Amino acid sequence: MGIWNDRLTELGITLPRVAAPVGGYTPAIRSGMYVYTSGQLPFVGGTLPVTGKVGDSVDVAQAADLARTAALNALAAVDAVAGIDAVVRIVKVTGFVASLPSFTGQAQVLNGASTFLHDVFGPAGIHARSAVGLAVLPLDSPVEVELQVEIAS
């Protein structure tokens, strides 16, 4: 075990199985010293616990929890290609929030992912971020999260 595996254990977190792709892509790919994940949905046990739009049938607290779950799924994809203990830092988080046109709290939703990554990685979890609102996501998921992660050589 290494530092990040130990930290996950300390937090009572188990990395889930990586969700199988539903198209012509891979969940994550390593290029040099970086791992780039595909957008990860907040699957739990192979299903989405909540569907719909934030600001309508999904509230901000639910959506933030879903963003945390999507970030956890993205970490599982990183682990699958490089090993979680190879993580040097989380470089960037890009989050997508399916929301009503009047909803403007995308940043608060993505705080669920950002706080989670900081809890796991401490200062190495502080990252750049984009929070994007859109009309709909695959499978009517309220959120999707992708990561760019620096890996030890």
C-alpha atoms as a PDB file:
ATOM      1  CA  MET A   1       0.000   0.000   0.000  1.00  0.00           C
ATOM      2  CA  GLY A   2       1.049   3.567  -0.572  1.00  0.00           C
ATOM      3  CA  ILE A   3       0.149   6.972   0.735  1.00  0.00           C
ATOM      4  CA  TRP A   4      -3.056   7.472  -1.288  1.00  0.00           C
ATOM      5  CA  ASN A   5      -4.333   3.925  -0.776  1.00  0.00           C
ATOM      6  CA  ASP A   6      -3.703   4.402   2.932  1.00  0.00           C
ATOM      7  CA  ARG A   7      -5.552   7.720   2.853  1.00  0.00           C
ATOM      8  CA  LEU A   8      -8.551   6.129   1.120  1.00  0.00           C
ATOM      9  CA  THR A   9      -8.602   3.394   3.758  1.00  0.00           C
ATOM     10  CA  GLU A  10      -8.380   6.003   6.521  1.00  0.00           C
ATOM     11  CA  LEU A  11     -11.392   7.795   5.011  1.00  0.00           C
ATOM     12  CA  GLY A  12     -13.311   4.521   4.670  1.00  0.00           C
ATOM     13  CA  ILE A  13     -13.394   4.792   0.873  1.00  0.00           C
ATOM     14  CA  THR A  14     -13.138   1.870  -1.511  1.00  0.00           C
ATOM     15  CA  LEU A  15     -12.501   2.544  -5.182  1.00  0.00           C
ATOM     16  CA  PRO A  16     -15.364   1.134  -7.246  1.00  0.00           C
ATOM     17  CA  ARG A  17     -15.017  -0.947 -10.378  1.00  0.00           C
ATOM     18  CA  VAL A  18     -14.466   1.171 -13.470  1.00  0.00           C
ATOM     19  CA  ALA A  19     -17.673   1.602 -15.450  1.00  0.00           C
ATOM     20  CA  ALA A  20     -17.511  -0.169 -18.805  1.00  0.00           C
ATOM     21  CA  PRO A  21     -17.491   2.241 -21.763  1.00  0.00           C
ATOM     22  CA  VAL A  22     -20.743   2.512 -23.698  1.00  0.00           C
ATOM     23  CA  GLY A  23     -19.017   3.665 -26.885  1.00  0.00           C
ATOM     24  CA  GLY A  24     -15.732   3.841 -28.731  1.00  0.00           C
ATOM     25  CA  TYR A  25     -13.601   5.277 -25.948  1.00  0.00           C
ATOM     26  CA  THR A  26     -11.622   4.213 -22.899  1.00  0.00           C
ATOM     27  CA  PRO A  27     -12.357   5.345 -19.314  1.00  0.00           C
ATOM     28  CA  ALA A  28      -8.829   6.763 -18.948  1.00  0.00           C
ATOM     29  CA  ILE A  29      -5.612   7.031 -20.893  1.00  0.00           C
ATOM     30  CA  ARG A  30      -2.072   7.759 -19.812  1.00  0.00           C
ATOM     31  CA  SER A  31       0.095  10.062 -21.906  1.00  0.00           C
ATOM     32  CA  GLY A  32       3.554  10.704 -20.514  1.00  0.00           C
ATOM     33  CA  MET A  33       3.218  11.973 -16.966  1.00  0.00           C
ATOM     34  CA  TYR A  34      -0.536  12.565 -17.170  1.00  0.00           C
ATOM     35  CA  VAL A  35      -3.724  10.550 -16.997  1.00  0.00           C
ATOM     36  CA  TYR A  36      -6.831  11.949 -18.668  1.00  0.00           C
ATOM     37  CA  THR A  37     -10.163  10.423 -17.750  1.00  0.00           C
ATOM     38  CA  SER A  38     -13.229  10.336 -19.896  1.00  0.00           C
ATOM     39  CA  GLY A  39     -16.248  11.971 -18.346  1.00  0.00           C
ATOM     40  CA  GLN A  40     -17.453   9.791 -15.485  1.00  0.00           C
ATOM     41  CA  LEU A  41     -21.062   9.595 -14.397  1.00  0.00           C
ATOM     42  CA  PRO A  42     -22.038   9.056 -10.753  1.00  0.00           C
ATOM     43  CA  PHE A  43     -22.748   5.338 -11.113  1.00  0.00           C
ATOM     44  CA  VAL A  44     -23.198   3.369  -7.903  1.00  0.00           C
ATOM     45  CA  GLY A  45     -23.271  -0.370  -8.430  1.00  0.00           C
ATOM     46  CA  GLY A  46     -23.771   0.101 -12.174  1.00  0.00           C
ATOM     47  CA  THR A  47     -26.784   2.415 -11.969  1.00  0.00           C
ATOM     48  CA  LEU A  48     -27.426   6.121 -11.590  1.00  0.00           C
ATOM     49  CA  PRO A  49     -28.964   6.767  -8.160  1.00  0.00           C
ATOM     50  CA  VAL A  50     -30.619   9.977  -9.378  1.00  0.00           C
ATOM     51  CA  THR A  51     -31.517  11.361 -12.800  1.00  0.00           C
ATOM     52  CA  GLY A  52     -32.880  14.710 -13.915  1.00  0.00           C
ATOM     53  CA  LYS A  53     -31.921  18.359 -13.975  1.00  0.00           C
ATOM     54  CA  VAL A  54     -30.300  20.344 -11.198  1.00  0.00           C
ATOM     55  CA  GLY A  55     -32.596  23.164 -10.161  1.00  0.00           C
ATOM     56  CA  ASP A  56     -35.619  21.049 -11.014  1.00  0.00           C
ATOM     57  CA  SER A  57     -35.914  17.480  -9.657  1.00  0.00           C
ATOM     58  CA  VAL A  58     -32.342  17.455  -8.288  1.00  0.00           C
ATOM     59  CA  ASP A  59     -31.247  19.929  -5.611  1.00  0.00           C
ATOM     60  CA  VAL A  60     -27.759  21.368  -5.172  1.00  0.00           C
ATOM     61  CA  ALA A  61     -26.869  19.141  -2.198  1.00  0.00           C
ATOM     62  CA  GLN A  62     -27.865  15.976  -4.104  1.00  0.00           C
ATOM     63  CA  ALA A  63     -25.949  17.141  -7.156  1.00  0.00           C
ATOM     64  CA  ALA A  64     -22.821  17.936  -5.109  1.00  0.00           C
ATOM     65  CA  ASP A  65     -22.944  14.410  -3.673  1.00  0.00           C
ATOM     66  CA  LEU A  66     -23.294  13.024  -7.206  1.00  0.00           C
ATOM     67  CA  ALA A  67     -20.274  15.097  -8.303  1.00  0.00           C
ATOM     68  CA  ARG A  68     -18.305  13.520  -5.452  1.00  0.00           C
ATOM     69  CA  THR A  69     -19.345  10.058  -6.648  1.00  0.00           C
ATOM     70  CA  ALA A  70     -18.408  10.880 -10.239  1.00  0.00           C
ATOM     71  CA  ALA A  71     -14.974  12.071  -9.026  1.00  0.00           C
ATOM     72  CA  LEU A  72     -14.573   8.802  -7.108  1.00  0.00           C
ATOM     73  CA  ASN A  73     -15.379   6.906 -10.307  1.00  0.00           C
ATOM     74  CA  ALA A  74     -12.804   9.002 -12.165  1.00  0.00           C
ATOM     75  CA  LEU A  75     -10.187   8.086  -9.534  1.00  0.00           C
ATOM     76  CA  ALA A  76     -11.010   4.423 -10.131  1.00  0.00           C
ATOM     77  CA  ALA A  77     -10.257   4.977 -13.823  1.00  0.00           C
ATOM     78  CA  VAL A  78      -6.938   6.639 -12.909  1.00  0.00           C
ATOM     79  CA  ASP A  79      -6.116   3.704 -10.647  1.00  0.00           C
ATOM     80  CA  ALA A  80      -6.838   1.241 -13.453  1.00  0.00           C
ATOM     81  CA  VAL A  81      -4.246   2.772 -15.809  1.00  0.00           C
ATOM     82  CA  ALA A  82      -1.560   4.097 -13.457  1.00  0.00           C
ATOM     83  CA  GLY A  83      -2.269   3.079  -9.867  1.00  0.00           C
ATOM     84  CA  ILE A  84      -3.672   5.549  -7.364  1.00  0.00           C
ATOM     85  CA  ASP A  85      -0.379   5.728  -5.472  1.00  0.00           C
ATOM     86  CA  ALA A  86       1.344   7.127  -8.581  1.00  0.00           C
ATOM     87  CA  VAL A  87      -0.743  10.327  -8.348  1.00  0.00           C
ATOM     88  CA  VAL A  88       1.429  13.416  -7.871  1.00  0.00           C
ATOM     89  CA  ARG A  89      -1.408  15.929  -8.077  1.00  0.00           C
ATOM     90  CA  ILE A  90      -4.854  16.550  -9.458  1.00  0.00           C
ATOM     91  CA  VAL A  91      -4.235  19.109 -12.195  1.00  0.00           C
ATOM     92  CA  LYS A  92      -7.716  19.912 -13.487  1.00  0.00           C
ATOM     93  CA  VAL A  93     -11.320  18.957 -12.906  1.00  0.00           C
ATOM     94  CA  THR A  94     -13.922  19.575 -15.573  1.00  0.00           C
ATOM     95  CA  GLY A  95     -17.488  19.162 -14.446  1.00  0.00           C
ATOM     96  CA  PHE A  96     -20.710  19.232 -16.397  1.00  0.00           C
ATOM     97  CA  VAL A  97     -24.055  19.951 -14.751  1.00  0.00           C
ATOM     98  CA  ALA A  98     -27.353  19.226 -16.501  1.00  0.00           C
ATOM     99  CA  SER A  99     -29.499  22.053 -15.250  1.00  0.00           C
ATOM    100  CA  LEU A 100     -32.376  24.368 -15.974  1.00  0.00           C
ATOM    101  CA  PRO A 101     -31.463  27.469 -18.010  1.00  0.00           C
ATOM    102  CA  SER A 102     -32.106  29.666 -14.952  1.00  0.00           C
ATOM    103  CA  PHE A 103     -29.788  27.626 -12.674  1.00  0.00           C
ATOM    104  CA  THR A 104     -26.455  29.360 -11.993  1.00  0.00           C
ATOM    105  CA  GLY A 105     -24.996  27.254  -9.162  1.00  0.00           C
ATOM    106  CA  GLN A 106     -22.798  24.920 -11.230  1.00  0.00           C
ATOM    107  CA  ALA A 107     -19.747  25.903  -9.170  1.00  0.00           C
ATOM    108  CA  GLN A 108     -21.486  24.872  -5.941  1.00  0.00           C
ATOM    109  CA  VAL A 109     -22.353  21.497  -7.472  1.00  0.00           C
ATOM    110  CA  LEU A 110     -18.727  20.893  -8.516  1.00  0.00           C
ATOM    111  CA  ASN A 111     -17.558  21.749  -5.018  1.00  0.00           C
ATOM    112  CA  GLY A 112     -18.657  18.192  -4.164  1.00  0.00           C
ATOM    113  CA  ALA A 113     -15.911  16.824  -6.424  1.00  0.00           C
ATOM    114  CA  SER A 114     -13.327  19.446  -5.441  1.00  0.00           C
ATOM    115  CA  THR A 115     -13.811  19.000  -1.701  1.00  0.00           C
ATOM    116  CA  PHE A 116     -13.617  15.222  -2.075  1.00  0.00           C
ATOM    117  CA  LEU A 117     -10.330  15.420  -4.011  1.00  0.00           C
ATOM    118  CA  HIS A 118      -8.861  17.789  -1.432  1.00  0.00           C
ATOM    119  CA  ASP A 119      -9.972  15.458   1.380  1.00  0.00           C
ATOM    120  CA  VAL A 120      -8.166  12.554  -0.287  1.00  0.00           C
ATOM    121  CA  PHE A 121      -5.033  14.262  -1.627  1.00  0.00           C
ATOM    122  CA  GLY A 122      -4.619  17.295   0.638  1.00  0.00           C
ATOM    123  CA  PRO A 123      -2.617  20.061  -1.090  1.00  0.00           C
ATOM    124  CA  ALA A 124      -1.994  17.716  -4.063  1.00  0.00           C
ATOM    125  CA  GLY A 125      -5.761  17.719  -4.594  1.00  0.00           C
ATOM    126  CA  ILE A 126      -6.004  21.470  -5.179  1.00  0.00           C
ATOM    127  CA  HIS A 127      -6.697  21.920  -8.891  1.00  0.00           C
ATOM    128  CA  ALA A 128      -7.860  24.156 -11.698  1.00  0.00           C
ATOM    129  CA  ARG A 129     -11.525  23.648 -12.565  1.00  0.00           C
ATOM    130  CA  SER A 130     -14.269  24.348 -15.057  1.00  0.00           C
ATOM    131  CA  ALA A 131     -17.959  24.011 -14.136  1.00  0.00           C
ATOM    132  CA  VAL A 132     -20.178  23.919 -17.206  1.00  0.00           C
ATOM    133  CA  GLY A 133     -23.955  23.946 -17.316  1.00  0.00           C
ATOM    134  CA  LEU A 134     -25.792  22.190 -20.124  1.00  0.00           C
ATOM    135  CA  ALA A 135     -29.216  20.983 -21.140  1.00  0.00           C
ATOM    136  CA  VAL A 136     -28.713  17.234 -20.860  1.00  0.00           C
ATOM    137  CA  LEU A 137     -26.052  14.607 -20.122  1.00  0.00           C
ATOM    138  CA  PRO A 138     -25.907  10.928 -21.101  1.00  0.00           C
ATOM    139  CA  LEU A 139     -28.577   8.752 -19.466  1.00  0.00           C
ATOM    140  CA  ASP A 140     -30.140  11.940 -18.006  1.00  0.00           C
ATOM    141  CA  SER A 141     -27.353  12.110 -15.411  1.00  0.00           C
ATOM    142  CA  PRO A 142     -27.335  15.352 -13.432  1.00  0.00           C
ATOM    143  CA  VAL A 143     -23.503  15.539 -13.418  1.00  0.00           C
ATOM    144  CA  GLU A 144     -20.394  14.268 -15.181  1.00  0.00           C
ATOM    145  CA  VAL A 145     -16.781  14.748 -14.045  1.00  0.00           C
ATOM    146  CA  GLU A 146     -13.451  14.298 -15.801  1.00  0.00           C
ATOM    147  CA  LEU A 147      -9.952  14.602 -14.370  1.00  0.00           C
ATOM    148  CA  GLN A 148      -6.477  15.463 -15.559  1.00  0.00           C
ATOM    149  CA  VAL A 149      -3.945  13.968 -13.158  1.00  0.00           C
ATOM    150  CA  GLU A 150      -0.151  14.213 -12.973  1.00  0.00           C
ATOM    151  CA  ILE A 151       1.496  10.831 -12.376  1.00  0.00           C
ATOM    152  CA  ALA A 152       4.959  10.028 -11.039  1.00  0.00           C
ATOM    153  CA  SER A 153       7.360   8.843 -13.731  1.00  0.00           C
END
